[in-house]
């Protein structure tokens, strides 16, 4: 039983350590942060990327205004979210 636990621990420990910790900026996934473009796809790409890595890393969201998600507009008011 101890051998099995040691083998499982080793497998988990060395598998988790095989990927280096990485830091990436959201703009490397295609976000613009200009306050005009919808950056939803970039955030989804970043989430997929880090999920595949088992969360091993850090996402930097650099200074900017990010629009994420579906935007609703009020009738008669252009370029103003509801």
PDB file of N, CA and C in Angstrom:
ATOM      1  N   UNK A   1       0.828  -1.201   0.000  1.00  0.00           N
ATOM      2  CA  UNK A   1       0.000   0.000   0.000  1.00  0.00           C
ATOM      3  C   UNK A   1       0.872   1.264   0.000  1.00  0.00           C
ATOM      4  N   UNK A   2       1.948   1.241   0.798  1.00  0.00           N
ATOM      5  CA  UNK A   2       2.834   2.406   0.829  1.00  0.00           C
ATOM      6  C   UNK A   2       3.498   2.626  -0.527  1.00  0.00           C
ATOM      7  N   UNK A   3       3.825   1.523  -1.196  1.00  0.00           N
ATOM      8  CA  UNK A   3       4.447   1.622  -2.511  1.00  0.00           C
ATOM      9  C   UNK A   3       3.510   2.295  -3.510  1.00  0.00           C
ATOM     10  N   UNK A   4       2.244   1.938  -3.460  1.00  0.00           N
ATOM     11  CA  UNK A   4       1.252   2.524  -4.373  1.00  0.00           C
ATOM     12  C   UNK A   4       1.100   4.011  -4.098  1.00  0.00           C
ATOM     13  N   UNK A   5       1.023   4.384  -2.828  1.00  0.00           N
ATOM     14  CA  UNK A   5       0.901   5.808  -2.486  1.00  0.00           C
ATOM     15  C   UNK A   5       2.135   6.579  -2.923  1.00  0.00           C
ATOM     16  N   UNK A   6       3.313   5.998  -2.737  1.00  0.00           N
ATOM     17  CA  UNK A   6       4.554   6.662  -3.146  1.00  0.00           C
ATOM     18  C   UNK A   6       4.596   6.813  -4.665  1.00  0.00           C
ATOM     19  N   UNK A   7       4.142   5.801  -5.389  1.00  0.00           N
ATOM     20  CA  UNK A   7       4.132   5.871  -6.848  1.00  0.00           C
ATOM     21  C   UNK A   7       3.165   6.941  -7.339  1.00  0.00           C
ATOM     22  N   UNK A   8       1.992   7.007  -6.730  1.00  0.00           N
ATOM     23  CA  UNK A   8       1.007   8.027  -7.118  1.00  0.00           C
ATOM     24  C   UNK A   8       1.535   9.422  -6.814  1.00  0.00           C
ATOM     25  N   UNK A   9       2.127   9.601  -5.641  1.00  0.00           N
ATOM     26  CA  UNK A   9       2.694  10.898  -5.266  1.00  0.00           C
ATOM     27  C   UNK A   9       3.778  11.315  -6.250  1.00  0.00           C
ATOM     28  N   UNK A  10       4.670  10.388  -6.589  1.00  0.00           N
ATOM     29  CA  UNK A  10       5.759  10.694  -7.521  1.00  0.00           C
ATOM     30  C   UNK A  10       5.214  11.070  -8.889  1.00  0.00           C
ATOM     31  N   UNK A  11       4.237  10.332  -9.343  1.00  0.00           N
ATOM     32  CA  UNK A  11       3.640  10.606 -10.649  1.00  0.00           C
ATOM     33  C   UNK A  11       3.019  11.993 -10.687  1.00  0.00           C
ATOM     34  N   UNK A  12       2.235  12.317  -9.667  1.00  0.00           N
ATOM     35  CA  UNK A  12       1.584  13.626  -9.601  1.00  0.00           C
ATOM     36  C   UNK A  12       2.615  14.731  -9.454  1.00  0.00           C
ATOM     37  N   UNK A  13       3.582  14.556  -8.583  1.00  0.00           N
ATOM     38  CA  UNK A  13       4.589  15.592  -8.322  1.00  0.00           C
ATOM     39  C   UNK A  13       5.417  15.881  -9.563  1.00  0.00           C
ATOM     40  N   UNK A  14       5.937  14.847 -10.209  1.00  0.00           N
ATOM     41  CA  UNK A  14       6.808  15.057 -11.360  1.00  0.00           C
ATOM     42  C   UNK A  14       6.039  15.489 -12.602  1.00  0.00           C
ATOM     43  N   UNK A  15       4.789  15.078 -12.743  1.00  0.00           N
ATOM     44  CA  UNK A  15       3.975  15.518 -13.866  1.00  0.00           C
ATOM     45  C   UNK A  15       3.658  17.006 -13.724  1.00  0.00           C
ATOM     46  N   UNK A  16       3.314  17.429 -12.520  1.00  0.00           N
ATOM     47  CA  UNK A  16       2.990  18.837 -12.282  1.00  0.00           C
ATOM     48  C   UNK A  16       4.223  19.714 -12.469  1.00  0.00           C
ATOM     49  N   UNK A  17       5.395  19.196 -12.142  1.00  0.00           N
ATOM     50  CA  UNK A  17       6.626  19.970 -12.234  1.00  0.00           C
ATOM     51  C   UNK A  17       7.194  19.997 -13.659  1.00  0.00           C
ATOM     52  N   UNK A  18       6.660  19.172 -14.548  1.00  0.00           N
ATOM     53  CA  UNK A  18       7.222  19.088 -15.886  1.00  0.00           C
ATOM     54  C   UNK A  18       6.950  20.341 -16.721  1.00  0.00           C
ATOM     55  N   UNK A  19       5.919  21.097 -16.391  1.00  0.00           N
ATOM     56  CA  UNK A  19       5.634  22.336 -17.100  1.00  0.00           C
ATOM     57  C   UNK A  19       6.131  23.503 -16.263  1.00  0.00           C
ATOM     58  N   UNK A  20       6.916  24.337 -16.867  1.00  0.00           N
ATOM     59  CA  UNK A  20       7.444  25.501 -16.163  1.00  0.00           C
ATOM     60  C   UNK A  20       6.322  26.506 -15.906  1.00  0.00           C
ATOM     61  N   UNK A  21       6.426  27.199 -14.787  1.00  0.00           N
ATOM     62  CA  UNK A  21       5.489  28.274 -14.464  1.00  0.00           C
ATOM     63  C   UNK A  21       5.685  29.370 -15.500  1.00  0.00           C
ATOM     64  N   UNK A  22       4.597  29.872 -16.042  1.00  0.00           N
ATOM     65  CA  UNK A  22       4.683  30.856 -17.122  1.00  0.00           C
ATOM     66  C   UNK A  22       3.811  32.061 -16.802  1.00  0.00           C
ATOM     67  N   UNK A  23       4.267  33.223 -17.225  1.00  0.00           N
ATOM     68  CA  UNK A  23       3.500  34.464 -17.094  1.00  0.00           C
ATOM     69  C   UNK A  23       3.237  34.986 -18.503  1.00  0.00           C
ATOM     70  N   UNK A  24       1.964  35.246 -18.797  1.00  0.00           N
ATOM     71  CA  UNK A  24       1.592  35.767 -20.116  1.00  0.00           C
ATOM     72  C   UNK A  24       0.659  36.950 -19.942  1.00  0.00           C
ATOM     73  N   UNK A  25       0.769  37.897 -20.845  1.00  0.00           N
ATOM     74  CA  UNK A  25      -0.104  39.067 -20.860  1.00  0.00           C
ATOM     75  C   UNK A  25      -1.335  38.756 -21.708  1.00  0.00           C
ATOM     76  N   UNK A  26      -2.471  39.302 -21.326  1.00  0.00           N
ATOM     77  CA  UNK A  26      -3.716  39.069 -22.059  1.00  0.00           C
ATOM     78  C   UNK A  26      -3.600  39.545 -23.505  1.00  0.00           C
ATOM     79  N   UNK A  27      -2.762  40.521 -23.755  1.00  0.00           N
ATOM     80  CA  UNK A  27      -2.598  41.034 -25.118  1.00  0.00           C
ATOM     81  C   UNK A  27      -1.914  40.014 -26.025  1.00  0.00           C
ATOM     82  N   UNK A  28      -1.187  39.061 -25.450  1.00  0.00           N
ATOM     83  CA  UNK A  28      -0.571  38.017 -26.269  1.00  0.00           C
ATOM     84  C   UNK A  28      -1.611  37.032 -26.804  1.00  0.00           C
ATOM     85  N   UNK A  29      -2.826  37.105 -26.271  1.00  0.00           N
ATOM     86  CA  UNK A  29      -3.929  36.272 -26.751  1.00  0.00           C
ATOM     87  C   UNK A  29      -4.838  37.038 -27.709  1.00  0.00           C
ATOM     88  N   UNK A  30      -4.467  38.275 -28.033  1.00  0.00           N
ATOM     89  CA  UNK A  30      -5.213  39.049 -29.020  1.00  0.00           C
ATOM     90  C   UNK A  30      -6.086  40.161 -28.465  1.00  0.00           C
ATOM     91  N   UNK A  31      -6.057  40.403 -27.169  1.00  0.00           N
ATOM     92  CA  UNK A  31      -6.859  41.489 -26.594  1.00  0.00           C
ATOM     93  C   UNK A  31      -6.237  42.834 -26.966  1.00  0.00           C
ATOM     94  N   UNK A  32      -7.087  43.837 -27.164  1.00  0.00           N
ATOM     95  CA  UNK A  32      -6.565  45.162 -27.494  1.00  0.00           C
ATOM     96  C   UNK A  32      -6.607  46.100 -26.293  1.00  0.00           C
ATOM     97  N   UNK A  33      -7.638  45.991 -25.464  1.00  0.00           N
ATOM     98  CA  UNK A  33      -7.738  46.858 -24.292  1.00  0.00           C
ATOM     99  C   UNK A  33      -7.953  48.311 -24.637  1.00  0.00           C
ATOM    100  N   UNK A  34      -8.533  48.558 -25.818  1.00  0.00           N
ATOM    101  CA  UNK A  34      -8.715  49.933 -26.269  1.00  0.00           C
ATOM    102  C   UNK A  34     -10.066  50.536 -25.879  1.00  0.00           C
ATOM    103  N   UNK A  35     -10.921  49.750 -25.252  1.00  0.00           N
ATOM    104  CA  UNK A  35     -12.228  50.250 -24.842  1.00  0.00           C
ATOM    105  C   UNK A  35     -13.251  50.259 -25.959  1.00  0.00           C
ATOM    106  N   UNK A  36     -12.861  49.840 -27.154  1.00  0.00           N
ATOM    107  CA  UNK A  36     -13.783  49.816 -28.289  1.00  0.00           C
ATOM    108  C   UNK A  36     -14.002  48.406 -28.826  1.00  0.00           C
ATOM    109  N   UNK A  37     -12.944  47.610 -28.819  1.00  0.00           N
ATOM    110  CA  UNK A  37     -13.022  46.242 -29.341  1.00  0.00           C
ATOM    111  C   UNK A  37     -13.488  45.287 -28.254  1.00  0.00           C
ATOM    112  N   UNK A  38     -14.242  44.253 -28.651  1.00  0.00           N
ATOM    113  CA  UNK A  38     -14.674  43.233 -27.705  1.00  0.00           C
ATOM    114  C   UNK A  38     -13.539  42.228 -27.546  1.00  0.00           C
ATOM    115  N   UNK A  39     -13.032  42.092 -26.351  1.00  0.00           N
ATOM    116  CA  UNK A  39     -11.889  41.235 -26.057  1.00  0.00           C
ATOM    117  C   UNK A  39     -12.289  39.878 -25.492  1.00  0.00           C
ATOM    118  N   UNK A  40     -13.549  39.512 -25.616  1.00  0.00           N
ATOM    119  CA  UNK A  40     -14.067  38.247 -25.087  1.00  0.00           C
ATOM    120  C   UNK A  40     -13.260  37.046 -25.586  1.00  0.00           C
ATOM    121  N   UNK A  41     -12.991  36.995 -26.885  1.00  0.00           N
ATOM    122  CA  UNK A  41     -12.280  35.845 -27.467  1.00  0.00           C
ATOM    123  C   UNK A  41     -10.887  35.697 -26.873  1.00  0.00           C
ATOM    124  N   UNK A  42     -10.211  36.798 -26.626  1.00  0.00           N
ATOM    125  CA  UNK A  42      -8.862  36.738 -26.045  1.00  0.00           C
ATOM    126  C   UNK A  42      -8.901  36.170 -24.630  1.00  0.00           C
ATOM    127  N   UNK A  43      -9.902  36.562 -23.843  1.00  0.00           N
ATOM    128  CA  UNK A  43     -10.021  36.030 -22.488  1.00  0.00           C
ATOM    129  C   UNK A  43     -10.364  34.545 -22.513  1.00  0.00           C
ATOM    130  N   UNK A  44     -11.173  34.128 -23.490  1.00  0.00           N
ATOM    131  CA  UNK A  44     -11.489  32.702 -23.626  1.00  0.00           C
ATOM    132  C   UNK A  44     -10.251  31.904 -24.023  1.00  0.00           C
ATOM    133  N   UNK A  45      -9.447  32.445 -24.944  1.00  0.00           N
ATOM    134  CA  UNK A  45      -8.205  31.777 -25.344  1.00  0.00           C
ATOM    135  C   UNK A  45      -7.262  31.641 -24.147  1.00  0.00           C
ATOM    136  N   UNK A  46      -7.164  32.705 -23.357  1.00  0.00           N
ATOM    137  CA  UNK A  46      -6.285  32.669 -22.183  1.00  0.00           C
ATOM    138  C   UNK A  46      -6.772  31.628 -21.173  1.00  0.00           C
ATOM    139  N   UNK A  47      -8.072  31.580 -20.951  1.00  0.00           N
ATOM    140  CA  UNK A  47      -8.629  30.601 -20.012  1.00  0.00           C
ATOM    141  C   UNK A  47      -8.366  29.185 -20.499  1.00  0.00           C
ATOM    142  N   UNK A  48      -8.563  28.937 -21.788  1.00  0.00           N
ATOM    143  CA  UNK A  48      -8.291  27.610 -22.352  1.00  0.00           C
ATOM    144  C   UNK A  48      -6.818  27.247 -22.204  1.00  0.00           C
ATOM    145  N   UNK A  49      -5.955  28.197 -22.500  1.00  0.00           N
ATOM    146  CA  UNK A  49      -4.515  27.961 -22.422  1.00  0.00           C
ATOM    147  C   UNK A  49      -4.093  27.553 -21.007  1.00  0.00           C
ATOM    148  N   UNK A  50      -4.524  28.330 -20.015  1.00  0.00           N
ATOM    149  CA  UNK A  50      -4.109  28.042 -18.641  1.00  0.00           C
ATOM    150  C   UNK A  50      -4.829  26.818 -18.073  1.00  0.00           C
ATOM    151  N   UNK A  51      -6.043  26.550 -18.512  1.00  0.00           N
ATOM    152  CA  UNK A  51      -6.732  25.326 -18.079  1.00  0.00           C
ATOM    153  C   UNK A  51      -6.010  24.093 -18.588  1.00  0.00           C
ATOM    154  N   UNK A  52      -5.520  24.130 -19.824  1.00  0.00           N
ATOM    155  CA  UNK A  52      -4.772  22.995 -20.364  1.00  0.00           C
ATOM    156  C   UNK A  52      -3.465  22.778 -19.618  1.00  0.00           C
ATOM    157  N   UNK A  53      -2.930  23.834 -19.049  1.00  0.00           N
ATOM    158  CA  UNK A  53      -1.699  23.732 -18.258  1.00  0.00           C
ATOM    159  C   UNK A  53      -1.994  23.384 -16.802  1.00  0.00           C
ATOM    160  N   UNK A  54      -3.224  23.155 -16.473  1.00  0.00           N
ATOM    161  CA  UNK A  54      -3.576  22.844 -15.094  1.00  0.00           C
ATOM    162  C   UNK A  54      -3.495  24.054 -14.176  1.00  0.00           C
ATOM    163  N   UNK A  55      -3.619  25.243 -14.760  1.00  0.00           N
ATOM    164  CA  UNK A  55      -3.567  26.466 -13.961  1.00  0.00           C
ATOM    165  C   UNK A  55      -2.155  26.888 -13.612  1.00  0.00           C
ATOM    166  N   UNK A  56      -1.160  26.255 -14.224  1.00  0.00           N
ATOM    167  CA  UNK A  56       0.235  26.517 -13.885  1.00  0.00           C
ATOM    168  C   UNK A  56       0.725  27.773 -14.605  1.00  0.00           C
ATOM    169  N   UNK A  57       0.550  28.925 -13.981  1.00  0.00           N
ATOM    170  CA  UNK A  57       1.005  30.176 -14.561  1.00  0.00           C
ATOM    171  C   UNK A  57       0.207  31.359 -14.058  1.00  0.00           C
ATOM    172  N   UNK A  58       0.526  32.513 -14.617  1.00  0.00           N
ATOM    173  CA  UNK A  58      -0.150  33.747 -14.201  1.00  0.00           C
ATOM    174  C   UNK A  58      -0.513  34.557 -15.429  1.00  0.00           C
ATOM    175  N   UNK A  59      -1.736  35.067 -15.466  1.00  0.00           N
ATOM    176  CA  UNK A  59      -2.203  35.926 -16.552  1.00  0.00           C
ATOM    177  C   UNK A  59      -2.120  37.371 -16.087  1.00  0.00           C
ATOM    178  N   UNK A  60      -1.394  38.166 -16.826  1.00  0.00           N
ATOM    179  CA  UNK A  60      -1.269  39.599 -16.542  1.00  0.00           C
ATOM    180  C   UNK A  60      -2.296  40.330 -17.398  1.00  0.00           C
ATOM    181  N   UNK A  61      -3.080  41.165 -16.765  1.00  0.00           N
ATOM    182  CA  UNK A  61      -4.019  42.012 -17.505  1.00  0.00           C
ATOM    183  C   UNK A  61      -3.460  43.422 -17.424  1.00  0.00           C
ATOM    184  N   UNK A  62      -2.787  43.800 -18.503  1.00  0.00           N
ATOM    185  CA  UNK A  62      -2.119  45.096 -18.525  1.00  0.00           C
ATOM    186  C   UNK A  62      -3.139  46.231 -18.567  1.00  0.00           C
ATOM    187  N   UNK A  63      -2.651  47.410 -18.293  1.00  0.00           N
ATOM    188  CA  UNK A  63      -3.503  48.597 -18.229  1.00  0.00           C
ATOM    189  C   UNK A  63      -4.286  48.783 -19.522  1.00  0.00           C
ATOM    190  N   UNK A  64      -5.564  49.059 -19.390  1.00  0.00           N
ATOM    191  CA  UNK A  64      -6.424  49.267 -20.548  1.00  0.00           C
ATOM    192  C   UNK A  64      -7.880  49.117 -20.151  1.00  0.00           C
ATOM    193  N   UNK A  65      -8.756  49.320 -21.100  1.00  0.00           N
ATOM    194  CA  UNK A  65     -10.187  49.132 -20.898  1.00  0.00           C
ATOM    195  C   UNK A  65     -10.613  47.971 -21.771  1.00  0.00           C
ATOM    196  N   UNK A  66     -11.045  46.890 -21.120  1.00  0.00           N
ATOM    197  CA  UNK A  66     -11.395  45.666 -21.831  1.00  0.00           C
ATOM    198  C   UNK A  66     -12.905  45.495 -21.852  1.00  0.00           C
ATOM    199  N   UNK A  67     -13.433  45.263 -23.030  1.00  0.00           N
ATOM    200  CA  UNK A  67     -14.854  44.966 -23.179  1.00  0.00           C
ATOM    201  C   UNK A  67     -14.957  43.467 -23.342  1.00  0.00           C
ATOM    202  N   UNK A  68     -15.721  42.847 -22.449  1.00  0.00           N
ATOM    203  CA  UNK A  68     -15.842  41.392 -22.437  1.00  0.00           C
ATOM    204  C   UNK A  68     -17.317  41.034 -22.406  1.00  0.00           C
ATOM    205  N   UNK A  69     -17.718  40.117 -23.275  1.00  0.00           N
ATOM    206  CA  UNK A  69     -19.101  39.654 -23.285  1.00  0.00           C
ATOM    207  C   UNK A  69     -19.936  40.382 -24.311  1.00  0.00           C
ATOM    208  N   UNK A  70     -21.190  39.987 -24.369  1.00  0.00           N
ATOM    209  CA  UNK A  70     -22.127  40.591 -25.307  1.00  0.00           C
ATOM    210  C   UNK A  70     -22.526  41.969 -24.796  1.00  0.00           C
ATOM    211  N   UNK A  71     -22.480  42.930 -25.676  1.00  0.00           N
ATOM    212  CA  UNK A  71     -22.812  44.302 -25.297  1.00  0.00           C
ATOM    213  C   UNK A  71     -24.229  44.631 -25.730  1.00  0.00           C
ATOM    214  N   UNK A  72     -24.991  45.227 -24.842  1.00  0.00           N
ATOM    215  CA  UNK A  72     -26.363  45.641 -25.148  1.00  0.00           C
ATOM    216  C   UNK A  72     -26.366  47.156 -25.326  1.00  0.00           C
ATOM    217  N   UNK A  73     -27.046  47.628 -26.363  1.00  0.00           N
ATOM    218  CA  UNK A  73     -27.090  49.052 -26.636  1.00  0.00           C
ATOM    219  C   UNK A  73     -28.522  49.565 -26.519  1.00  0.00           C
ATOM    220  N   UNK A  74     -28.645  50.772 -25.998  1.00  0.00           N
ATOM    221  CA  UNK A  74     -29.942  51.414 -25.853  1.00  0.00           C
ATOM    222  C   UNK A  74     -30.354  52.008 -27.193  1.00  0.00           C
ATOM    223  N   UNK A  75     -31.603  51.812 -27.552  1.00  0.00           N
ATOM    224  CA  UNK A  75     -32.105  52.334 -28.821  1.00  0.00           C
ATOM    225  C   UNK A  75     -31.932  53.851 -28.876  1.00  0.00           C
ATOM    226  N   UNK A  76     -31.355  54.322 -29.968  1.00  0.00           N
ATOM    227  CA  UNK A  76     -31.195  55.757 -30.173  1.00  0.00           C
ATOM    228  C   UNK A  76     -29.912  56.325 -29.604  1.00  0.00           C
ATOM    229  N   UNK A  77     -29.163  55.554 -28.837  1.00  0.00           N
ATOM    230  CA  UNK A  77     -27.914  56.032 -28.278  1.00  0.00           C
ATOM    231  C   UNK A  77     -26.795  55.192 -28.876  1.00  0.00           C
ATOM    232  N   UNK A  78     -25.960  55.796 -29.673  1.00  0.00           N
ATOM    233  CA  UNK A  78     -24.902  55.063 -30.343  1.00  0.00           C
ATOM    234  C   UNK A  78     -23.658  54.932 -29.457  1.00  0.00           C
ATOM    235  N   UNK A  79     -23.071  53.748 -29.500  1.00  0.00           N
ATOM    236  CA  UNK A  79     -21.824  53.463 -28.795  1.00  0.00           C
ATOM    237  C   UNK A  79     -21.900  53.668 -27.294  1.00  0.00           C
ATOM    238  N   UNK A  80     -23.059  53.510 -26.720  1.00  0.00           N
ATOM    239  CA  UNK A  80     -23.215  53.607 -25.268  1.00  0.00           C
ATOM    240  C   UNK A  80     -23.859  52.328 -24.758  1.00  0.00           C
ATOM    241  N   UNK A  81     -23.155  51.566 -23.925  1.00  0.00           N
ATOM    242  CA  UNK A  81     -23.779  50.352 -23.360  1.00  0.00           C
ATOM    243  C   UNK A  81     -25.017  50.700 -22.560  1.00  0.00           C
ATOM    244  N   UNK A  82     -25.975  49.807 -22.582  1.00  0.00           N
ATOM    245  CA  UNK A  82     -27.234  50.016 -21.839  1.00  0.00           C
ATOM    246  C   UNK A  82     -26.996  49.956 -20.345  1.00  0.00           C
TER     247      UNK A  82
END
